[in-house]
Amino acid sequence: GAGDVTVVAADVVAVNGLGKRYGRVQALDDVCLEVRRGEIFGLLGQ
């Protein structure tokens, strides 16, 4: 899947339009998230 990843001077990570497909199965579609300075973020999957 394609998506844009941006690292901003204020230590913010932003992901916009993220997608992931496994064959014909769409696992993620147009996911957006932001991680701000001082935050701990975890994403688990299989």
C-alpha atoms as a PDB file:
ATOM      1  CA  GLY A   1       0.000   0.000   0.000  1.00  0.00           C
ATOM      2  CA  ALA A   2       1.025   3.547  -0.557  1.00  0.00           C
ATOM      3  CA  GLY A   3       0.923   6.360   1.922  1.00  0.00           C
ATOM      4  CA  ASP A   4       2.685   9.575   2.816  1.00  0.00           C
ATOM      5  CA  VAL A   5       4.931   9.739   5.892  1.00  0.00           C
ATOM      6  CA  THR A   6       5.935  13.153   7.208  1.00  0.00           C
ATOM      7  CA  VAL A   7       8.352  14.038  10.005  1.00  0.00           C
ATOM      8  CA  VAL A   8       7.709  17.588  11.213  1.00  0.00           C
ATOM      9  CA  ALA A   9      10.227  19.791  13.077  1.00  0.00           C
ATOM     10  CA  ALA A  10       8.132  19.471  16.263  1.00  0.00           C
ATOM     11  CA  ASP A  11       8.895  15.711  16.326  1.00  0.00           C
ATOM     12  CA  VAL A  12       5.466  14.770  15.034  1.00  0.00           C
ATOM     13  CA  VAL A  13       5.056  11.789  12.732  1.00  0.00           C
ATOM     14  CA  ALA A  14       1.979  11.846  10.514  1.00  0.00           C
ATOM     15  CA  VAL A  15       0.778   9.083   8.202  1.00  0.00           C
ATOM     16  CA  ASN A  16      -2.013   9.839   5.742  1.00  0.00           C
ATOM     17  CA  GLY A  17      -3.742   7.558   3.276  1.00  0.00           C
ATOM     18  CA  LEU A  18      -2.037   4.322   4.348  1.00  0.00           C
ATOM     19  CA  GLY A  19      -3.334   1.130   2.808  1.00  0.00           C
ATOM     20  CA  LYS A  20      -2.381  -2.543   2.936  1.00  0.00           C
ATOM     21  CA  ARG A  21      -3.751  -5.382   0.875  1.00  0.00           C
ATOM     22  CA  TYR A  22      -3.130  -9.133   1.085  1.00  0.00           C
ATOM     23  CA  GLY A  23      -4.176 -10.440  -2.290  1.00  0.00           C
ATOM     24  CA  ARG A  24      -7.870  -9.569  -2.607  1.00  0.00           C
ATOM     25  CA  VAL A  25      -8.244  -8.782   1.127  1.00  0.00           C
ATOM     26  CA  GLN A  26      -8.041  -5.071   2.005  1.00  0.00           C
ATOM     27  CA  ALA A  27      -6.557  -5.043   5.543  1.00  0.00           C
ATOM     28  CA  LEU A  28      -6.100  -1.259   5.833  1.00  0.00           C
ATOM     29  CA  ASP A  29      -7.778   1.438   3.783  1.00  0.00           C
ATOM     30  CA  ASP A  30      -6.991   5.163   3.992  1.00  0.00           C
ATOM     31  CA  VAL A  31      -5.592   5.031   7.554  1.00  0.00           C
ATOM     32  CA  CYS A  32      -4.383   8.314   9.057  1.00  0.00           C
ATOM     33  CA  LEU A  33      -2.544   8.757  12.358  1.00  0.00           C
ATOM     34  CA  GLU A  34      -0.316  11.225  14.174  1.00  0.00           C
ATOM     35  CA  VAL A  35       2.257  10.607  16.899  1.00  0.00           C
ATOM     36  CA  ARG A  36       3.138  13.684  18.936  1.00  0.00           C
ATOM     37  CA  ARG A  37       6.319  14.416  20.850  1.00  0.00           C
ATOM     38  CA  GLY A  38       6.373  12.450  24.103  1.00  0.00           C
ATOM     39  CA  GLU A  39       3.763   9.908  23.011  1.00  0.00           C
ATOM     40  CA  ILE A  40       4.439   6.197  22.855  1.00  0.00           C
ATOM     41  CA  PHE A  41       2.607   4.476  20.025  1.00  0.00           C
ATOM     42  CA  GLY A  42       2.378   0.784  19.286  1.00  0.00           C
ATOM     43  CA  LEU A  43       0.721  -1.023  16.404  1.00  0.00           C
ATOM     44  CA  LEU A  44       0.431  -4.798  16.518  1.00  0.00           C
ATOM     45  CA  GLY A  45      -0.725  -7.132  13.837  1.00  0.00           C
ATOM     46  CA  GLN A  46      -0.268 -10.505  12.273  1.00  0.00           C
END
